[in-house]
Amino acid sequence: MNIPALLPEFCTSPAVFAVNNQYQIMVPVKSDLLFWVTVNEKEYYDHSNGILRSSTRMHRVDVPMTELDQAGAYTVHYLKIIERKPYFPTTEAPVSATYPFYAVVPGKPIRLYHMSDTHGDFKITSATGSYFADQLDVLILNGDIPDHGGDVQNFHLIYQLIEALTGGTRPTVFSRGNHDMRGFFAENLAEYPPTDHGHSYYTFRLGPIWGIVLDCGEDKPDDYASYGGTICCHAFREEETAYLQHIIKHADEEYLAEGVTYRLVISHNPFSFVDKEPFDIETSLYTEWLQLLGEHIKPQAIIAGHLHQCTLSPIGGDMDSLGQVCPVVVGSNPIMEDDKMVEYIATALTINHNQMDVAFTNQNHEILQQHTIELIP
């Protein structure tokens, strides 16, 4: 993978996230610095109402997808702050690096690799995720990448995996998991991965793929003792229901837009499945989500994790408790021995014409199961 050497004040290479019709170029940094990106000779800044941000360890710049797709490269720049005085602040000399970028191209096979439930491991999970190597088109990180939000450094694993698997040269789709909601810094998670104006649910468009990221929040009732009264996920999910209804009202700009061939749902929790108590929550609300999806959006596949298994559930299959509207791929299995990961299985997805090939693969790139989903237009 031909990428620049790591810049001195960057913790990792930049990551390019797909959110709505924008790419969010994000990078964790070591010190106070000003950050901006150049695409097609136009500059895009990390700013707060016209003030370039420096008192942060996580930078984010929005770039229109059409611009970066056409350019095929982006340049990141920073100025390290010496002293940010009210008058005549001082900085070090500018530092820059240019990254190639490979957009999803209509008319060609699209290779996506899906990972969730890495739970803090890098070595084994990055080996698994390298299945497609330089042929990867889209990386999907679908929740529970860190094991918890109790230490802000845990969020760096997101960027370490993206660096190892994309080098900042391919788009990533990110979804929050239930473990991400736990710990002192969990409320700050929205500062570290991509969001839609702070919301962890959003749509995205990558070539002929339209997708929606849905966030189920925690997996037990809000008043469950281990949460200590720190969550309000029911109200959060009700807001998400309203968002789904909003997307449906604007279908012509979303899943019915020109050029959309494939419609995917990305969700950490496979919400069509009702598990045993205390995980048997929100059956009415999730049934409504499925009805809205099935009657209007008509997704061709739901991609999930959470259950620590790899399986494909057709309509009426093992995951169909509430009325599946399409096949559900549950695609991550961290295998533990003595609290240590010894094997990690995740999912290689190849979309070509009207089918999706699904392969569950491990860190040795062995294919353990294979399936095919017919993608009904």
Protein backbone atom coordinates (compact mmCIF):
# COMPACT_ATOMS: atom_id res chain seq x y z
CA MET A 1 0.00 0.00 0.00
CA ASN A 2 1.70 3.19 -1.23
CA ILE A 3 1.10 5.77 1.51
CA PRO A 4 3.24 8.57 2.99
CA ALA A 5 5.33 8.06 6.10
CA LEU A 6 3.51 8.89 9.34
CA LEU A 7 3.68 12.61 10.07
CA PRO A 8 5.38 13.52 13.37
CA GLU A 9 2.33 14.91 15.18
CA PHE A 10 -0.17 12.30 13.91
CA CYS A 11 -0.94 9.24 16.03
CA THR A 12 -1.99 7.32 12.89
CA SER A 13 -2.66 7.95 9.23
CA PRO A 14 -5.90 9.85 8.53
CA ALA A 15 -9.16 7.93 8.19
CA VAL A 16 -11.77 8.68 5.52
CA PHE A 17 -15.30 8.02 6.78
CA ALA A 18 -18.46 7.99 4.66
CA VAL A 19 -21.32 10.03 6.15
CA ASN A 20 -24.27 11.19 4.05
CA ASN A 21 -22.78 12.77 0.91
CA GLN A 22 -19.54 13.78 2.62
CA TYR A 23 -16.28 12.18 3.57
CA GLN A 24 -15.13 13.03 7.08
CA ILE A 25 -11.33 12.99 7.08
CA MET A 26 -10.27 12.47 10.68
CA VAL A 27 -6.98 11.96 12.49
CA PRO A 28 -5.88 11.70 16.14
CA VAL A 29 -2.95 13.99 17.00
CA LYS A 30 -0.34 14.35 19.73
CA SER A 31 -0.35 18.11 20.32
CA ASP A 32 -2.15 21.41 19.70
CA LEU A 33 -2.15 22.10 15.98
CA LEU A 34 -4.21 23.62 13.18
CA PHE A 35 -5.48 21.15 10.57
CA TRP A 36 -6.88 21.40 7.07
CA VAL A 37 -7.21 19.35 3.89
CA THR A 38 -6.73 20.23 0.22
CA VAL A 39 -8.74 18.49 -2.52
CA ASN A 40 -8.68 19.69 -6.13
CA GLU A 41 -6.80 22.82 -4.99
CA LYS A 42 -9.66 23.75 -2.63
CA GLU A 43 -9.00 23.96 1.09
CA TYR A 44 -11.33 22.49 3.72
CA TYR A 45 -10.72 23.41 7.36
CA ASP A 46 -11.32 21.99 10.81
CA HIS A 47 -12.88 25.08 12.31
CA SER A 48 -15.43 26.28 14.83
CA ASN A 49 -17.42 29.11 13.25
CA GLY A 50 -14.38 30.41 11.40
CA ILE A 51 -11.85 29.76 14.17
CA LEU A 52 -9.32 27.06 13.32
CA ARG A 53 -9.41 24.48 16.10
CA SER A 54 -6.24 23.54 17.99
CA SER A 55 -7.25 22.60 21.56
CA THR A 56 -8.27 19.08 20.54
CA ARG A 57 -6.61 15.72 20.05
CA MET A 58 -9.04 14.69 17.29
CA HIS A 59 -9.39 16.61 14.04
CA ARG A 60 -12.24 16.32 11.52
CA VAL A 61 -12.75 17.92 8.10
CA ASP A 62 -15.79 17.44 5.83
CA VAL A 63 -15.10 17.07 2.11
CA PRO A 64 -17.80 16.56 -0.55
CA MET A 65 -17.72 13.00 -1.84
CA THR A 66 -17.92 14.08 -5.46
CA GLU A 67 -14.80 16.22 -5.06
CA LEU A 68 -12.61 13.56 -3.48
CA ASP A 69 -13.91 10.79 -5.74
CA GLN A 70 -12.97 12.87 -8.78
CA ALA A 71 -9.61 14.01 -7.41
CA GLY A 72 -8.36 10.57 -6.39
CA ALA A 73 -6.10 12.13 -3.72
CA TYR A 74 -6.11 14.52 -0.78
CA THR A 75 -3.43 16.48 1.03
CA VAL A 76 -3.44 16.97 4.79
CA HIS A 77 -1.70 19.96 6.38
CA TYR A 78 -0.98 21.06 9.92
CA LEU A 79 0.68 23.90 11.79
CA LYS A 80 1.88 22.99 15.27
CA ILE A 81 1.04 25.70 17.79
CA ILE A 82 3.94 27.32 19.64
CA GLU A 83 1.78 29.81 21.54
CA ARG A 84 -1.81 30.75 20.73
CA LYS A 85 -1.72 34.32 22.02
CA PRO A 86 -4.65 36.75 21.59
CA TYR A 87 -2.42 38.77 19.26
CA PHE A 88 0.28 37.42 16.93
CA PRO A 89 0.02 33.71 17.80
CA THR A 90 3.03 31.66 16.73
CA THR A 91 3.29 28.31 14.97
CA GLU A 92 5.92 26.01 13.58
CA ALA A 93 6.43 25.58 9.83
CA PRO A 94 3.62 23.82 7.92
CA VAL A 95 3.77 20.05 7.45
CA SER A 96 1.90 18.27 4.65
CA ALA A 97 1.39 14.85 3.10
CA THR A 98 -0.65 13.62 0.14
CA TYR A 99 -2.65 10.39 0.23
CA PRO A 100 -4.09 8.57 -2.77
CA PHE A 101 -7.79 7.79 -2.53
CA TYR A 102 -9.66 4.97 -4.25
CA ALA A 103 -13.37 5.61 -4.59
CA VAL A 104 -15.99 2.90 -5.08
CA VAL A 105 -16.50 2.61 -8.84
CA PRO A 106 -19.88 1.65 -10.32
CA GLY A 107 -19.85 -1.31 -12.68
CA LYS A 108 -17.02 -3.17 -10.97
CA PRO A 109 -17.08 -5.80 -8.17
CA ILE A 110 -17.09 -4.10 -4.76
CA ARG A 111 -15.13 -5.72 -1.93
CA LEU A 112 -16.14 -4.81 1.61
CA TYR A 113 -14.64 -6.22 4.80
CA HIS A 114 -16.85 -6.17 7.90
CA MET A 115 -15.45 -6.28 11.43
CA SER A 116 -17.08 -5.79 14.81
CA ASP A 117 -16.46 -7.01 18.37
CA THR A 118 -12.70 -6.71 18.17
CA HIS A 119 -12.88 -5.77 21.88
CA GLY A 120 -9.53 -4.07 22.12
CA ASP A 121 -7.43 -6.53 20.13
CA PHE A 122 -5.28 -5.26 17.26
CA LYS A 123 -2.84 -7.99 16.29
CA ILE A 124 -5.23 -10.84 15.50
CA THR A 125 -8.10 -8.70 14.25
CA SER A 126 -5.95 -6.64 11.88
CA ALA A 127 -4.58 -9.87 10.41
CA THR A 128 -8.14 -11.06 9.81
CA GLY A 129 -9.20 -7.73 8.31
CA SER A 130 -6.37 -7.78 5.77
CA TYR A 131 -8.13 -10.51 3.79
CA PHE A 132 -8.60 -8.40 0.64
CA ALA A 133 -5.26 -6.57 1.06
CA ASP A 134 -4.95 -3.83 -1.60
CA GLN A 135 -8.14 -5.02 -3.32
CA LEU A 136 -10.29 -3.72 -0.45
CA ASP A 137 -12.88 -1.11 -1.47
CA VAL A 138 -14.72 -0.40 1.80
CA LEU A 139 -13.93 -1.18 5.45
CA ILE A 140 -16.89 -1.57 7.82
CA LEU A 141 -16.19 -1.21 11.56
CA ASN A 142 -19.48 -2.19 13.16
CA GLY A 143 -19.21 -1.53 16.88
CA ASP A 144 -17.36 -2.75 19.97
CA ILE A 145 -13.98 -2.04 18.42
CA PRO A 146 -12.60 -0.88 21.82
CA ASP A 147 -13.78 -3.02 24.72
CA HIS A 148 -15.22 -0.01 26.58
CA GLY A 149 -15.12 3.77 26.86
CA GLY A 150 -13.42 3.89 30.23
CA ASP A 151 -10.15 5.21 28.77
CA VAL A 152 -10.02 7.78 25.99
CA GLN A 153 -6.94 6.02 24.57
CA ASN A 154 -9.15 3.04 23.74
CA PHE A 155 -10.67 4.98 20.85
CA HIS A 156 -7.29 5.04 19.09
CA LEU A 157 -7.80 1.37 18.19
CA ILE A 158 -10.39 2.51 15.64
CA TYR A 159 -7.70 4.51 13.84
CA GLN A 160 -5.00 1.91 14.24
CA LEU A 161 -7.16 -0.66 12.47
CA ILE A 162 -8.13 1.79 9.72
CA GLU A 163 -4.48 2.68 9.20
CA ALA A 164 -3.45 -0.97 9.00
CA LEU A 165 -6.25 -1.95 6.62
CA THR A 166 -6.74 1.14 4.43
CA GLY A 167 -3.79 3.47 5.03
CA GLY A 168 -6.27 6.33 4.69
CA THR A 169 -6.76 5.46 1.01
CA ARG A 170 -10.18 3.79 1.12
CA PRO A 171 -13.51 4.75 2.73
CA THR A 172 -14.63 3.38 6.09
CA VAL A 173 -18.17 3.02 7.44
CA PHE A 174 -18.33 3.20 11.25
CA SER A 175 -21.12 2.09 13.60
CA ARG A 176 -21.23 2.31 17.39
CA GLY A 177 -21.64 -0.81 19.57
CA ASN A 178 -23.10 -1.31 23.02
CA HIS A 179 -19.70 -1.70 24.74
CA ASP A 180 -18.74 1.69 23.32
CA MET A 181 -21.38 3.20 25.63
CA ARG A 182 -19.68 2.09 28.84
CA GLY A 183 -17.22 4.07 30.91
CA PHE A 184 -16.35 7.64 31.84
CA PHE A 185 -15.41 8.71 28.30
CA ALA A 186 -18.31 7.00 26.53
CA GLU A 187 -20.20 10.31 26.35
CA ASN A 188 -17.25 11.75 24.40
CA LEU A 189 -17.24 8.99 21.80
CA ALA A 190 -18.98 11.24 19.27
CA GLU A 191 -15.82 13.37 19.16
CA TYR A 192 -13.70 10.44 17.96
CA PRO A 193 -15.55 8.59 15.17
CA PRO A 194 -17.73 10.13 12.46
CA THR A 195 -21.22 11.43 13.22
CA ASP A 196 -23.99 13.29 11.46
CA HIS A 197 -23.91 16.54 13.46
CA GLY A 198 -23.32 14.51 16.63
CA HIS A 199 -25.76 11.70 15.79
CA SER A 200 -24.38 8.16 15.64
CA TYR A 201 -26.98 7.12 13.04
CA TYR A 202 -26.84 8.37 9.47
CA THR A 203 -26.97 7.37 5.82
CA PHE A 204 -24.05 7.07 3.42
CA ARG A 205 -23.47 6.72 -0.30
CA LEU A 206 -20.50 4.93 -1.86
CA GLY A 207 -20.81 4.59 -5.63
CA PRO A 208 -23.89 2.44 -6.30
CA ILE A 209 -24.26 1.55 -2.60
CA TRP A 210 -26.70 3.44 -0.39
CA GLY A 211 -26.60 2.48 3.25
CA ILE A 212 -28.02 3.45 6.61
CA VAL A 213 -26.21 3.04 9.93
CA LEU A 214 -28.63 2.30 12.77
CA ASP A 215 -27.54 2.42 16.42
CA CYS A 216 -29.42 0.22 18.89
CA GLY A 217 -27.55 1.59 21.89
CA GLU A 218 -27.33 -0.74 24.87
CA ASP A 219 -28.64 -4.31 24.80
CA LYS A 220 -30.51 -4.41 28.13
CA PRO A 221 -33.22 -2.19 29.71
CA ASP A 222 -32.22 1.35 30.67
CA ASP A 223 -32.79 0.61 34.36
CA TYR A 224 -30.54 -2.47 34.36
CA ALA A 225 -28.41 -2.34 37.50
CA SER A 226 -24.99 -2.43 35.80
CA TYR A 227 -25.72 0.84 33.97
CA GLY A 228 -26.25 2.72 37.22
CA GLY A 229 -28.85 5.06 35.71
CA THR A 230 -26.38 6.50 33.16
CA ILE A 231 -28.27 5.78 29.90
CA CYS A 232 -31.54 6.77 28.20
CA CYS A 233 -31.46 4.49 25.17
CA HIS A 234 -35.24 4.16 24.82
CA ALA A 235 -35.61 7.88 24.19
CA PHE A 236 -32.58 7.74 21.87
CA ARG A 237 -34.18 4.93 19.83
CA GLU A 238 -37.43 6.90 19.58
CA GLU A 239 -35.43 9.77 18.06
CA GLU A 240 -33.98 7.25 15.62
CA THR A 241 -37.48 6.11 14.63
CA ALA A 242 -38.29 9.71 13.74
CA TYR A 243 -35.06 9.82 11.72
CA LEU A 244 -36.10 6.73 9.74
CA GLN A 245 -39.42 8.41 8.98
CA HIS A 246 -37.55 11.54 7.87
CA ILE A 247 -35.37 9.49 5.50
CA ILE A 248 -38.47 7.90 3.98
CA LYS A 249 -40.02 11.35 3.35
CA HIS A 250 -36.84 12.32 1.49
CA ALA A 251 -36.43 9.02 -0.38
CA ASP A 252 -35.60 10.70 -3.70
CA GLU A 253 -32.46 12.17 -2.11
CA GLU A 254 -31.60 8.92 -0.36
CA TYR A 255 -32.28 5.30 -1.38
CA LEU A 256 -34.24 6.27 -4.52
CA ALA A 257 -31.55 8.68 -5.74
CA GLU A 258 -30.11 8.26 -9.22
CA GLY A 259 -27.44 5.60 -9.42
CA VAL A 260 -28.41 3.65 -6.29
CA THR A 261 -28.31 -0.08 -7.03
CA TYR A 262 -27.65 -1.60 -3.60
CA ARG A 263 -29.31 -0.83 -0.25
CA LEU A 264 -27.65 -1.99 2.96
CA VAL A 265 -28.34 -1.61 6.69
CA ILE A 266 -25.36 -1.53 9.04
CA SER A 267 -26.20 -2.17 12.70
CA HIS A 268 -24.06 -3.57 15.49
CA ASN A 269 -27.08 -5.35 16.98
CA PRO A 270 -29.15 -7.59 14.66
CA PHE A 271 -32.40 -6.05 15.93
CA SER A 272 -34.70 -8.54 14.17
CA PHE A 273 -33.53 -11.14 16.72
CA VAL A 274 -34.99 -11.36 20.24
CA ASP A 275 -32.55 -12.90 22.69
CA LYS A 276 -33.31 -14.28 26.13
CA GLU A 277 -33.95 -12.03 29.14
CA PRO A 278 -32.57 -9.41 29.93
CA PHE A 279 -31.67 -8.87 26.26
CA ASP A 280 -35.28 -9.12 25.04
CA ILE A 281 -35.86 -5.36 24.80
CA GLU A 282 -37.73 -2.97 22.50
CA THR A 283 -39.65 -5.61 20.57
CA SER A 284 -42.37 -3.14 19.57
CA LEU A 285 -39.93 -0.44 18.54
CA TYR A 286 -37.68 -2.81 16.59
CA THR A 287 -40.75 -4.28 14.88
CA GLU A 288 -41.62 -0.74 13.77
CA TRP A 289 -38.08 -0.25 12.42
CA LEU A 290 -38.40 -3.47 10.41
CA GLN A 291 -41.79 -2.44 9.07
CA LEU A 292 -40.47 0.96 7.98
CA LEU A 293 -37.48 -0.67 6.33
CA GLY A 294 -39.52 -3.39 4.62
CA GLU A 295 -42.36 -1.22 3.37
CA HIS A 296 -40.27 1.69 2.13
CA ILE A 297 -36.49 1.29 2.00
CA LYS A 298 -36.45 -2.41 1.06
CA PRO A 299 -32.83 -3.18 2.05
CA GLN A 300 -31.16 -6.14 0.38
CA ALA A 301 -29.10 -7.11 3.43
CA ILE A 302 -28.59 -6.19 7.09
CA ILE A 303 -24.96 -6.48 8.26
CA ALA A 304 -24.53 -6.95 12.03
CA GLY A 305 -22.27 -8.29 14.75
CA HIS A 306 -22.79 -8.28 18.54
CA LEU A 307 -23.70 -11.97 19.02
CA HIS A 308 -20.12 -13.26 18.66
CA GLN A 309 -21.01 -15.68 15.92
CA CYS A 310 -20.93 -15.86 12.14
CA THR A 311 -24.15 -16.84 10.44
CA LEU A 312 -26.41 -15.93 7.55
CA SER A 313 -30.09 -15.80 8.46
CA PRO A 314 -32.53 -15.76 5.54
CA ILE A 315 -36.07 -14.49 6.03
CA GLY A 316 -37.61 -16.97 8.45
CA GLY A 317 -34.16 -18.03 9.68
CA ASP A 318 -32.53 -18.09 13.11
CA MET A 319 -32.39 -14.29 13.45
CA ASP A 320 -36.02 -13.78 12.40
CA SER A 321 -37.88 -13.14 15.65
CA LEU A 322 -39.69 -9.94 14.65
CA GLY A 323 -40.12 -10.20 10.89
CA GLN A 324 -36.92 -9.99 8.85
CA VAL A 325 -37.29 -8.01 5.66
CA CYS A 326 -34.08 -9.28 4.03
CA PRO A 327 -31.18 -11.63 4.81
CA VAL A 328 -29.23 -10.80 7.96
CA VAL A 329 -25.48 -11.39 8.05
CA VAL A 330 -24.12 -11.67 11.60
CA GLY A 331 -20.42 -11.53 10.92
CA SER A 332 -17.94 -11.44 13.79
CA ASN A 333 -16.73 -14.07 16.21
CA PRO A 334 -13.92 -13.32 18.68
CA ILE A 335 -12.86 -16.67 20.10
CA MET A 336 -11.40 -16.36 23.59
CA GLU A 337 -9.38 -18.63 25.87
CA ASP A 338 -8.57 -17.47 29.41
CA ASP A 339 -9.76 -13.94 28.53
CA LYS A 340 -7.34 -13.80 25.59
CA MET A 341 -8.34 -13.72 21.94
CA VAL A 342 -6.95 -16.73 20.10
CA GLU A 343 -8.95 -16.50 16.86
CA TYR A 344 -11.03 -13.83 15.17
CA ILE A 345 -13.52 -14.54 12.41
CA ALA A 346 -15.12 -11.73 10.41
CA THR A 347 -16.77 -11.21 7.04
CA ALA A 348 -15.61 -10.64 3.48
CA LEU A 349 -18.42 -9.30 1.27
CA THR A 350 -18.17 -9.09 -2.52
CA ILE A 351 -20.95 -7.34 -4.42
CA ASN A 352 -21.07 -8.11 -8.14
CA HIS A 353 -24.09 -7.53 -10.36
CA ASN A 354 -27.15 -8.82 -8.46
CA GLN A 355 -25.46 -10.93 -5.82
CA MET A 356 -23.38 -10.60 -2.68
CA ASP A 357 -20.89 -13.33 -1.86
CA VAL A 358 -20.37 -13.73 1.88
CA ALA A 359 -17.26 -15.43 3.28
CA PHE A 360 -16.46 -15.82 6.97
CA THR A 361 -12.66 -15.73 7.27
CA ASN A 362 -10.09 -15.89 10.07
CA GLN A 363 -6.65 -14.38 10.69
CA ASN A 364 -5.05 -17.02 8.45
CA HIS A 365 -7.39 -15.93 5.62
CA GLU A 366 -9.05 -19.32 5.66
CA ILE A 367 -12.67 -19.34 4.43
CA LEU A 368 -14.71 -21.12 7.07
CA GLN A 369 -18.17 -20.62 5.52
CA GLN A 370 -19.46 -19.26 2.22
CA HIS A 371 -22.91 -18.02 1.22
CA THR A 372 -24.51 -16.06 -1.60
CA ILE A 373 -27.27 -13.46 -1.25
CA GLU A 374 -29.37 -12.55 -4.26
CA LEU A 375 -29.69 -8.76 -4.28
CA ILE A 376 -33.24 -8.14 -5.41
CA PRO A 377 -33.48 -4.77 -7.19
